[in-house]
Amino acid sequence: MTAALPVVPAPANRMRLYLLLGFSAGLPFYMFNAVLLLRLARHDVDIVVIGFFAWIALLPTFKFAWAPLLDHYRVPGFARFWGRRQGWIMLSQLGIFLAMVAMAFTADDSNLPLTALFALLLAFWTTTLEVAADGWRIELAPTQADQAPLVSANLWGYRSAMVAAGSGAALVAARADWTWAYLVIAAAAFLPFPILAAMRPEFAGTRGRAAALAQGVLVSLAIITASALAIALIGAGLLSGLRGAGFSAQTNITPIVLGIALLPFVALAIALPRINRLPAAASAAMPRMLAPYIELFWRFGYGVLPLLAFVSIYRMGDVLTLTLSHPLWNAAGYSLEQISMADGLVALASSMAGVALGGLCAARLPLAVALVIGATASAIGNWVFVWLWFAEPSALVLYVAAGVDQFGHGLAGAVFVVYLSMLVSPRHPGAQFAFLSGFAFLLPRLIGGASGAIQKQIGYDGFFLMSGALSLAAILLLPLVMKLRPRTI
């Protein structure tokens, strides 16, 4: 008897699917990042502490630590009916919803460690959803031409959701409070779950949808509870250790965070000479948690070092803008209603146009040319905030700056995702994309965590001049990176 073949969505359905998945991930991302930082600023939390909260966005950098689990294990119930990738996506959506509800009921920020715990949980489940969706995308569309429309659809959904979250949360908070803002976005973030649950099974003819859904929900609640307890215990131990060592909000812990964050990557770099000498098939015999990364380093050899350097600074502008743009708007005297409009219609239209042009560039132009265009647009998206800071405050100034920012970073993001997708091996798509996309945000988010301290030293204008220049600097590495030719197994 021949094994049943999985049901593969038609190209048009894939576009709709990835629009939905992008929306699913974009809503929660803004709520533990830009919206949370704005919420803390409105509660008069010190700018240095706000910068520390930006380090929550470091968690997705380390998604490679659990990404191989998603390639090899299944969520009972969900996976039996909908498949491995969709099972993880549905589990993640439940985790996102519950974490956001918890953030809603701690929205006064009177207990900052508790705020941090629920924000970390939201970041964890949002990242897990992205890992599952990225792995599935690369399996469905292995070529550059096939990737570009899926990436564009995904980013349309992602950025429109970010806009909806930022604009909607600020507007609801202005009319009611932050609790209602988080509850409204939590409800919106959960909407894709029933749509996914109504989709066709992984294999034609599979029965038992209701039983699979019930089992999946029960298992998911157990996993979510265990994850929350684990993160709470680790966080409590870490806070206790820091206090015992005499650290406070005034302590410069950036070098310590930098050192800890870089440890796994430094270890791989030290092991590179040995990895480079391995026979072609050696990674297949490695432990599942290491094999994807050893195979990636083996394929690119010593060329992986300039490759990772390029990857680590290309998205610098996008991350740093997200970290301090909202505190800047608040400091410049813009109201929540004005911020809501800037994060709403203005950002949505600009971001959609940028993503569309970025997808077109990635599909039609050589990747090197598309990457140069993206880096330049990203740098301009940062420098526009220098103009905003010195300009007389007005709605027009805010809307122009927000539009340029969203257009530039949307364009750069679309090109970059296609580029990273072309670097991964079809044997380990989810894990290797998680590693590369996570590493891409390591240095920017480390700097983002120190952004409050940097801003106090050089001001908002100096900060955004610096971040734009760092983003543009990626072009200097491009000639070397584009010459790399990976080995084949």
Protein backbone atom coordinates (compact mmCIF):
# COMPACT_ATOMS: atom_id res chain seq x y z
CA MET A 1 0.00 0.00 0.00
CA THR A 2 1.35 3.46 -0.93
CA ALA A 3 1.72 6.01 1.85
CA ALA A 4 -0.76 8.86 1.73
CA LEU A 5 0.69 12.10 0.40
CA PRO A 6 0.21 15.27 2.46
CA VAL A 7 -2.30 17.82 1.19
CA VAL A 8 -0.27 20.76 -0.21
CA PRO A 9 -2.09 24.12 -0.42
CA ALA A 10 -2.41 25.63 -3.90
CA PRO A 11 -0.22 28.74 -4.55
CA ALA A 12 -3.12 31.18 -4.01
CA ASN A 13 -4.09 29.41 -0.79
CA ARG A 14 -0.47 29.53 0.39
CA MET A 15 -0.52 33.31 -0.01
CA ARG A 16 -3.69 33.57 2.09
CA LEU A 17 -2.28 31.13 4.64
CA TYR A 18 0.92 33.14 5.11
CA LEU A 19 -1.00 36.40 5.26
CA LEU A 20 -2.88 34.84 8.18
CA LEU A 21 0.26 33.44 9.84
CA GLY A 22 2.02 36.79 9.51
CA PHE A 23 -0.95 38.46 11.18
CA SER A 24 -0.83 35.85 13.98
CA ALA A 25 2.81 36.65 14.78
CA GLY A 26 2.74 40.42 14.23
CA LEU A 27 0.03 41.24 16.77
CA PRO A 28 1.78 39.79 19.84
CA PHE A 29 5.26 40.96 18.80
CA TYR A 30 4.33 44.62 19.12
CA MET A 31 2.66 43.99 22.49
CA PHE A 32 5.83 42.79 24.24
CA ASN A 33 7.98 45.28 22.37
CA ALA A 34 6.98 48.78 21.20
CA VAL A 35 3.57 48.92 22.93
CA LEU A 36 5.00 47.64 26.21
CA LEU A 37 7.81 50.23 26.05
CA LEU A 38 5.25 52.98 25.41
CA ARG A 39 3.12 51.68 28.30
CA LEU A 40 6.13 51.78 30.64
CA ALA A 41 7.00 55.29 29.46
CA ARG A 42 3.43 56.47 30.19
CA HIS A 43 3.79 54.99 33.69
CA ASP A 44 6.96 57.10 34.18
CA VAL A 45 9.31 54.12 34.38
CA ASP A 46 12.93 55.27 34.09
CA ILE A 47 14.29 55.23 30.51
CA VAL A 48 17.19 52.95 31.57
CA VAL A 49 14.73 50.36 32.93
CA ILE A 50 12.67 50.68 29.74
CA GLY A 51 15.85 49.86 27.85
CA PHE A 52 16.26 46.72 29.96
CA PHE A 53 12.74 45.64 28.95
CA ALA A 54 13.84 45.91 25.33
CA TRP A 55 16.11 42.92 26.09
CA ILE A 56 12.99 40.75 26.19
CA ALA A 57 13.22 40.92 22.41
CA LEU A 58 16.54 39.03 22.76
CA LEU A 59 14.59 35.82 23.44
CA PRO A 60 13.82 35.21 19.73
CA THR A 61 17.57 35.41 19.08
CA PHE A 62 17.96 32.11 20.94
CA LYS A 63 15.12 30.29 19.19
CA PHE A 64 17.75 27.96 17.72
CA ALA A 65 17.89 26.38 21.20
CA TRP A 66 14.42 24.86 20.81
CA ALA A 67 13.83 25.08 17.03
CA PRO A 68 15.09 21.50 16.37
CA LEU A 69 12.33 20.22 18.67
CA LEU A 70 9.77 21.59 16.22
CA ASP A 71 11.45 19.75 13.34
CA HIS A 72 11.37 16.39 15.13
CA TYR A 73 8.49 16.31 17.62
CA ARG A 74 4.72 16.65 17.32
CA VAL A 75 2.03 18.16 19.53
CA PRO A 76 -0.34 15.28 20.40
CA GLY A 77 -3.84 15.78 19.04
CA PHE A 78 -3.16 18.79 16.83
CA ALA A 79 -0.41 17.07 14.84
CA ARG A 80 -2.39 13.87 14.29
CA PHE A 81 -5.04 15.76 12.33
CA TRP A 82 -3.35 18.94 11.02
CA GLY A 83 0.30 17.93 10.82
CA ARG A 84 3.49 18.71 12.73
CA ARG A 85 4.00 22.34 11.67
CA GLN A 86 0.39 23.39 12.10
CA GLY A 87 0.22 21.60 15.46
CA TRP A 88 3.02 23.78 16.82
CA ILE A 89 1.37 26.87 15.35
CA MET A 90 -1.92 26.12 17.12
CA LEU A 91 -0.19 25.43 20.45
CA SER A 92 1.69 28.73 20.09
CA GLN A 93 -1.52 30.63 19.45
CA LEU A 94 -3.01 29.37 22.70
CA GLY A 95 0.18 30.38 24.54
CA ILE A 96 0.08 33.85 22.95
CA PHE A 97 -3.54 34.40 23.97
CA LEU A 98 -3.04 33.38 27.61
CA ALA A 99 0.19 35.39 28.00
CA MET A 100 -1.46 38.51 26.63
CA VAL A 101 -4.45 38.14 28.95
CA ALA A 102 -2.00 37.87 31.86
CA MET A 103 -0.28 41.07 30.65
CA ALA A 104 -3.69 42.77 30.57
CA PHE A 105 -4.33 42.07 34.25
CA THR A 106 -0.89 43.37 35.30
CA ALA A 107 -1.15 46.47 33.11
CA ASP A 108 -0.59 48.97 35.94
CA ASP A 109 3.08 47.84 35.98
CA SER A 110 3.18 48.09 39.77
CA ASN A 111 5.12 44.80 39.83
CA LEU A 112 7.76 45.04 37.10
CA PRO A 113 9.16 41.49 37.58
CA LEU A 114 5.63 40.13 36.96
CA THR A 115 5.26 42.35 33.90
CA ALA A 116 8.58 40.98 32.65
CA LEU A 117 7.52 37.34 33.24
CA PHE A 118 4.35 37.60 31.15
CA ALA A 119 6.16 39.59 28.45
CA LEU A 120 8.79 36.82 28.28
CA LEU A 121 6.07 34.18 27.92
CA LEU A 122 4.45 36.20 25.15
CA ALA A 123 7.83 36.51 23.41
CA PHE A 124 8.47 32.75 23.76
CA TRP A 125 5.19 31.65 22.19
CA THR A 126 5.32 34.29 19.48
CA THR A 127 8.79 33.08 18.53
CA THR A 128 7.71 29.43 18.55
CA LEU A 129 4.89 30.28 16.15
CA GLU A 130 7.38 32.01 13.82
CA VAL A 131 9.78 29.02 13.88
CA ALA A 132 7.00 26.62 12.88
CA ALA A 133 5.66 28.94 10.18
CA ASP A 134 9.12 29.64 8.71
CA GLY A 135 10.01 25.96 8.50
CA TRP A 136 6.73 25.20 6.75
CA ARG A 137 7.22 28.13 4.33
CA ILE A 138 10.65 26.92 3.23
CA GLU A 139 9.31 23.39 2.71
CA LEU A 140 6.41 24.69 0.61
CA ALA A 141 8.50 27.09 -1.53
CA PRO A 142 12.17 26.08 -1.89
CA THR A 143 13.20 28.50 -4.70
CA GLN A 144 13.88 32.26 -4.66
CA ALA A 145 11.05 32.96 -7.13
CA ASP A 146 8.58 30.91 -5.05
CA GLN A 147 9.75 32.43 -1.76
CA ALA A 148 9.30 36.11 -2.70
CA PRO A 149 5.45 36.12 -2.93
CA LEU A 150 5.09 34.00 0.24
CA VAL A 151 7.49 36.28 2.13
CA SER A 152 5.60 39.36 0.90
CA ALA A 153 2.26 37.88 1.99
CA ASN A 154 3.71 36.90 5.36
CA LEU A 155 5.18 40.37 5.93
CA TRP A 156 1.98 42.07 4.78
CA GLY A 157 0.16 40.12 7.47
CA TYR A 158 2.94 40.67 10.01
CA ARG A 159 3.34 44.40 9.51
CA SER A 160 -0.38 45.07 9.19
CA ALA A 161 -0.84 43.24 12.51
CA MET A 162 1.97 45.28 14.10
CA VAL A 163 0.25 48.43 12.87
CA ALA A 164 -3.12 47.20 14.16
CA ALA A 165 -1.57 46.33 17.52
CA GLY A 166 0.33 49.61 17.90
CA SER A 167 -2.47 51.83 16.67
CA GLY A 168 -5.30 49.84 18.27
CA ALA A 169 -3.60 49.46 21.65
CA ALA A 170 -2.72 53.16 21.87
CA LEU A 171 -6.25 54.17 20.85
CA VAL A 172 -7.96 51.81 23.33
CA ALA A 173 -5.55 52.88 26.09
CA ALA A 174 -6.37 56.54 25.36
CA ARG A 175 -10.13 55.88 25.54
CA ALA A 176 -10.13 53.28 28.35
CA ASP A 177 -6.90 51.91 29.87
CA TRP A 178 -4.00 49.53 29.17
CA THR A 179 -5.89 46.51 30.54
CA TRP A 180 -8.57 46.87 27.89
CA ALA A 181 -5.92 47.57 25.26
CA TYR A 182 -4.24 44.20 25.91
CA LEU A 183 -7.54 42.32 26.16
CA VAL A 184 -8.72 43.67 22.81
CA ILE A 185 -5.46 42.72 21.06
CA ALA A 186 -5.51 39.30 22.79
CA ALA A 187 -8.96 38.63 21.33
CA ALA A 188 -7.78 39.72 17.87
CA ALA A 189 -4.66 37.54 18.15
CA PHE A 190 -6.82 34.50 18.92
CA LEU A 191 -9.05 34.92 15.85
CA PRO A 192 -6.79 32.88 13.50
CA PHE A 193 -7.00 29.83 15.81
CA PRO A 194 -10.55 28.76 14.79
CA ILE A 195 -9.64 29.43 11.14
CA LEU A 196 -6.65 27.09 11.41
CA ALA A 197 -8.77 24.52 13.27
CA ALA A 198 -11.28 24.55 10.38
CA MET A 199 -8.59 23.83 7.76
CA ARG A 200 -8.27 20.51 5.96
CA PRO A 201 -6.33 17.70 7.65
CA GLU A 202 -2.70 17.01 6.72
CA PHE A 203 -3.70 13.84 4.82
CA ALA A 204 -6.90 13.48 2.80
CA GLY A 205 -9.47 11.29 4.53
CA THR A 206 -8.21 11.81 8.10
CA ARG A 207 -11.11 11.78 10.59
CA GLY A 208 -11.65 12.78 14.22
CA ARG A 209 -11.29 16.58 14.08
CA ALA A 210 -13.19 17.22 17.36
CA ALA A 211 -11.22 14.59 19.31
CA ALA A 212 -7.91 15.87 17.91
CA LEU A 213 -8.85 19.44 18.85
CA ALA A 214 -9.85 18.49 22.41
CA GLN A 215 -6.68 16.45 22.97
CA GLY A 216 -4.52 19.19 21.47
CA VAL A 217 -6.02 21.88 23.71
CA LEU A 218 -5.53 19.80 26.88
CA VAL A 219 -1.92 18.93 26.01
CA SER A 220 -1.26 22.56 25.05
CA LEU A 221 -2.54 23.85 28.40
CA ALA A 222 -0.21 21.44 30.21
CA ILE A 223 2.78 22.54 28.10
CA ILE A 224 1.94 26.24 28.55
CA THR A 225 1.65 25.85 32.33
CA ALA A 226 4.95 23.97 32.56
CA SER A 227 6.67 26.63 30.42
CA ALA A 228 5.33 29.43 32.62
CA LEU A 229 6.59 27.74 35.79
CA ALA A 230 10.00 27.08 34.26
CA ILE A 231 10.45 30.69 33.10
CA ALA A 232 9.21 32.02 36.46
CA LEU A 233 11.71 29.87 38.39
CA ILE A 234 14.61 30.79 36.10
CA GLY A 235 13.68 34.48 36.27
CA ALA A 236 13.34 34.47 40.06
CA GLY A 237 16.72 32.78 40.43
CA LEU A 238 18.34 35.25 38.06
CA LEU A 239 16.87 38.30 39.83
CA SER A 240 17.89 36.94 43.20
CA GLY A 241 21.43 36.34 41.96
CA LEU A 242 21.71 39.84 40.48
CA ARG A 243 20.45 41.48 43.67
CA GLY A 244 22.81 39.37 45.75
CA ALA A 245 25.71 40.50 43.58
CA GLY A 246 24.76 44.14 44.16
CA PHE A 247 23.27 44.94 40.75
CA SER A 248 20.58 47.62 40.43
CA ALA A 249 18.82 49.64 37.72
CA GLN A 250 21.82 52.00 37.72
CA THR A 251 24.38 49.23 37.10
CA ASN A 252 25.79 48.97 33.58
CA ILE A 253 25.08 45.31 32.86
CA THR A 254 25.36 45.66 29.08
CA PRO A 255 28.84 44.02 28.91
CA ILE A 256 27.58 41.07 31.00
CA VAL A 257 24.48 40.59 28.85
CA LEU A 258 26.61 40.90 25.72
CA GLY A 259 29.05 38.25 26.96
CA ILE A 260 26.32 35.78 27.94
CA ALA A 261 24.40 36.30 24.69
CA LEU A 262 27.47 35.74 22.56
CA LEU A 263 28.62 32.55 24.33
CA PRO A 264 26.90 29.95 22.07
CA PHE A 265 28.01 31.77 18.92
CA VAL A 266 31.58 32.13 20.15
CA ALA A 267 31.60 28.39 20.97
CA LEU A 268 30.56 27.56 17.40
CA ALA A 269 33.22 29.91 16.01
CA ILE A 270 35.91 28.23 18.16
CA ALA A 271 34.73 24.83 16.90
CA LEU A 272 34.75 26.03 13.27
CA PRO A 273 38.22 24.63 12.32
CA ARG A 274 37.18 21.19 13.55
CA ILE A 275 33.75 21.42 11.89
CA ASN A 276 35.41 22.47 8.64
CA ARG A 277 37.49 19.26 8.58
CA LEU A 278 34.53 16.94 9.09
CA PRO A 279 33.50 14.58 6.25
CA ALA A 280 30.42 15.59 4.27
CA ALA A 281 27.97 13.22 5.96
CA ALA A 282 29.22 13.77 9.54
CA SER A 283 26.35 16.06 10.61
CA ALA A 284 23.84 13.24 10.02
CA ALA A 285 25.38 11.34 12.95
CA MET A 286 25.31 14.35 15.30
CA PRO A 287 22.70 14.87 18.07
CA ARG A 288 19.46 16.34 16.75
CA MET A 289 19.91 19.58 18.67
CA LEU A 290 23.34 20.23 17.09
CA ALA A 291 23.17 18.69 13.61
CA PRO A 292 21.44 21.63 11.83
CA TYR A 293 24.01 24.16 13.02
CA ILE A 294 27.06 21.98 12.43
CA GLU A 295 25.80 21.31 8.89
CA LEU A 296 25.34 25.05 8.27
CA PHE A 297 28.86 25.89 9.50
CA TRP A 298 30.33 22.99 7.49
CA ARG A 299 28.66 24.13 4.25
CA PHE A 300 29.98 27.70 4.48
CA GLY A 301 33.29 26.93 6.21
CA TYR A 302 35.25 30.02 7.25
CA GLY A 303 32.94 32.09 5.08
CA VAL A 304 30.30 31.74 7.80
CA LEU A 305 32.11 34.43 9.84
CA PRO A 306 31.65 37.35 7.38
CA LEU A 307 28.21 35.92 6.60
CA LEU A 308 27.15 36.16 10.25
CA ALA A 309 28.71 39.63 10.55
CA PHE A 310 26.61 40.80 7.58
CA VAL A 311 23.47 39.17 8.96
CA SER A 312 23.99 40.71 12.39
CA ILE A 313 24.02 44.34 11.24
CA TYR A 314 21.65 44.33 8.26
CA ARG A 315 18.48 44.79 10.38
CA MET A 316 20.09 47.16 12.88
CA GLY A 317 17.99 50.14 11.83
CA ASP A 318 14.65 48.35 12.10
CA VAL A 319 15.28 47.04 15.62
CA LEU A 320 16.69 50.27 17.05
CA THR A 321 13.89 52.35 15.55
CA LEU A 322 11.34 50.06 17.17
CA THR A 323 13.09 50.41 20.54
CA LEU A 324 13.12 54.19 20.92
CA SER A 325 10.74 55.63 18.30
CA HIS A 326 7.72 55.51 20.63
CA PRO A 327 9.55 56.96 23.67
CA LEU A 328 10.82 59.69 21.28
CA TRP A 329 7.27 60.48 20.15
CA ASN A 330 6.19 60.60 23.79
CA ALA A 331 9.12 62.91 24.71
CA ALA A 332 8.36 65.17 21.72
CA GLY A 333 4.88 65.75 23.13
CA TYR A 334 2.71 63.78 20.70
CA SER A 335 -0.60 62.50 22.08
CA LEU A 336 -1.75 58.88 22.16
CA GLU A 337 -4.34 59.75 19.49
CA GLN A 338 -1.64 61.12 17.15
CA ILE A 339 0.60 58.12 17.85
CA SER A 340 -2.36 55.85 17.14
CA MET A 341 -2.85 57.43 13.70
CA ALA A 342 0.89 57.24 12.92
CA ASP A 343 0.93 53.58 13.92
CA GLY A 344 -2.34 53.00 12.07
CA LEU A 345 -3.31 54.05 8.56
CA VAL A 346 -0.01 55.84 7.86
CA ALA A 347 2.19 52.94 8.93
CA LEU A 348 -0.05 50.33 7.31
CA ALA A 349 -0.08 51.93 3.86
CA SER A 350 3.66 52.70 3.96
CA SER A 351 4.63 49.26 5.23
CA MET A 352 2.51 47.46 2.63
CA ALA A 353 4.12 49.50 -0.14
CA GLY A 354 7.62 48.83 1.22
CA VAL A 355 7.03 45.08 1.55
CA ALA A 356 5.55 44.90 -1.94
CA LEU A 357 8.52 46.69 -3.47
CA GLY A 358 10.94 44.57 -1.41
CA GLY A 359 9.28 41.35 -2.59
CA LEU A 360 9.41 42.57 -6.19
CA CYS A 361 13.10 43.46 -5.86
CA ALA A 362 13.88 40.04 -4.35
CA ALA A 363 12.01 38.24 -7.15
CA ARG A 364 13.27 40.30 -10.11
CA LEU A 365 16.72 41.66 -9.20
CA PRO A 366 20.00 39.97 -8.23
CA LEU A 367 19.96 39.55 -4.46
CA ALA A 368 23.05 41.77 -4.04
CA VAL A 369 21.29 44.72 -5.70
CA ALA A 370 18.09 44.11 -3.72
CA LEU A 371 20.06 43.99 -0.46
CA VAL A 372 21.77 47.33 -1.21
CA ILE A 373 18.41 48.96 -1.89
CA GLY A 374 17.04 47.51 1.36
CA ALA A 375 19.97 48.69 3.51
CA THR A 376 19.75 52.21 2.08
CA ALA A 377 15.99 52.39 2.66
CA SER A 378 16.46 51.14 6.23
CA ALA A 379 19.09 53.80 7.00
CA ILE A 380 16.81 56.57 5.69
CA GLY A 381 14.02 55.15 7.85
CA ASN A 382 16.20 55.85 10.90
CA TRP A 383 17.57 59.22 9.89
CA VAL A 384 14.07 60.63 9.36
CA PHE A 385 13.63 60.63 13.15
CA VAL A 386 16.49 63.12 13.51
CA TRP A 387 14.42 65.51 11.38
CA LEU A 388 11.33 64.76 13.50
CA TRP A 389 13.19 65.53 16.73
CA PHE A 390 14.23 69.01 15.55
CA ALA A 391 11.07 69.86 13.59
CA GLU A 392 8.23 71.84 15.12
CA PRO A 393 5.80 69.18 16.45
CA SER A 394 2.85 68.65 14.12
CA ALA A 395 0.72 65.74 12.96
CA LEU A 396 2.18 66.06 9.44
CA VAL A 397 5.77 65.74 10.69
CA LEU A 398 4.86 62.66 12.72
CA TYR A 399 3.00 61.00 9.84
CA VAL A 400 5.75 61.67 7.28
CA ALA A 401 8.41 60.27 9.63
CA ALA A 402 6.34 57.19 10.48
CA GLY A 403 5.61 56.58 6.80
CA VAL A 404 9.25 56.81 5.71
CA ASP A 405 10.27 54.55 8.61
CA GLN A 406 7.70 51.85 7.82
CA PHE A 407 8.33 51.95 4.06
CA GLY A 408 12.11 51.59 4.41
CA HIS A 409 12.06 48.85 6.98
CA GLY A 410 9.28 46.94 5.21
CA LEU A 411 11.33 46.93 2.01
CA ALA A 412 14.52 45.82 3.78
CA GLY A 413 12.68 43.12 5.74
CA ALA A 414 11.17 41.47 2.65
CA VAL A 415 14.51 41.30 0.82
CA PHE A 416 16.31 40.00 3.90
CA VAL A 417 13.88 37.15 4.62
CA VAL A 418 14.20 35.88 1.04
CA TYR A 419 18.01 36.09 1.32
CA LEU A 420 18.08 34.09 4.56
CA SER A 421 15.70 31.50 3.12
CA MET A 422 18.16 30.85 0.29
CA LEU A 423 20.96 30.09 2.79
CA VAL A 424 19.29 27.19 4.61
CA SER A 425 19.50 23.49 3.82
CA PRO A 426 16.26 21.67 2.87
CA ARG A 427 17.27 19.02 5.44
CA HIS A 428 16.97 21.49 8.35
CA PRO A 429 14.84 24.41 7.14
CA GLY A 430 13.18 25.39 10.41
CA ALA A 431 16.22 25.11 12.67
CA GLN A 432 18.70 26.82 10.31
CA PHE A 433 16.33 29.68 9.48
CA ALA A 434 15.73 30.09 13.22
CA PHE A 435 19.48 30.27 13.81
CA LEU A 436 20.15 32.83 11.06
CA SER A 437 17.10 35.00 11.70
CA GLY A 438 17.75 34.88 15.44
CA PHE A 439 21.40 35.84 15.03
CA ALA A 440 20.31 38.71 12.76
CA PHE A 441 18.69 40.37 15.77
CA LEU A 442 21.28 39.52 18.45
CA LEU A 443 23.52 42.59 18.16
CA PRO A 444 20.68 45.04 17.38
CA ARG A 445 18.68 43.87 20.40
CA LEU A 446 21.73 43.95 22.67
CA ILE A 447 22.27 47.55 21.64
CA GLY A 448 18.51 48.09 21.96
CA GLY A 449 18.66 47.02 25.60
CA ALA A 450 21.27 49.70 26.24
CA SER A 451 19.41 52.24 24.12
CA GLY A 452 18.12 54.19 27.11
CA ALA A 453 21.64 54.63 28.49
CA ILE A 454 22.96 55.53 25.00
CA GLN A 455 20.18 58.07 24.50
CA LYS A 456 21.08 59.76 27.79
CA GLN A 457 24.65 60.19 26.51
CA ILE A 458 24.09 61.30 22.89
CA GLY A 459 20.42 62.33 22.73
CA TYR A 460 17.68 61.11 20.42
CA ASP A 461 19.29 62.77 17.38
CA GLY A 462 22.66 61.09 18.00
CA PHE A 463 20.99 57.75 18.62
CA PHE A 464 19.11 57.70 15.32
CA LEU A 465 22.09 59.02 13.34
CA MET A 466 24.14 56.15 14.79
CA SER A 467 21.53 53.47 14.14
CA GLY A 468 21.05 54.52 10.51
CA ALA A 469 24.80 54.51 9.90
CA LEU A 470 25.11 51.00 11.40
CA SER A 471 22.36 49.71 9.13
CA LEU A 472 24.04 51.18 6.03
CA ALA A 473 27.40 49.68 7.07
CA ALA A 474 26.14 46.23 6.05
CA ILE A 475 26.79 47.21 2.42
CA LEU A 476 30.55 47.16 3.09
CA LEU A 477 30.42 43.39 3.72
CA LEU A 478 28.21 42.62 0.73
CA PRO A 479 30.96 42.07 -1.92
CA LEU A 480 32.59 39.44 0.31
CA VAL A 481 29.32 37.75 1.29
CA MET A 482 27.99 37.43 -2.24
CA LYS A 483 31.16 35.57 -3.33
CA LEU A 484 30.51 32.73 -0.87
CA ARG A 485 29.77 29.36 -2.46
CA PRO A 486 28.58 26.75 0.07
CA ARG A 487 29.76 23.15 -0.16
CA THR A 488 27.19 20.49 -0.98
CA ILE A 489 26.66 17.19 0.81
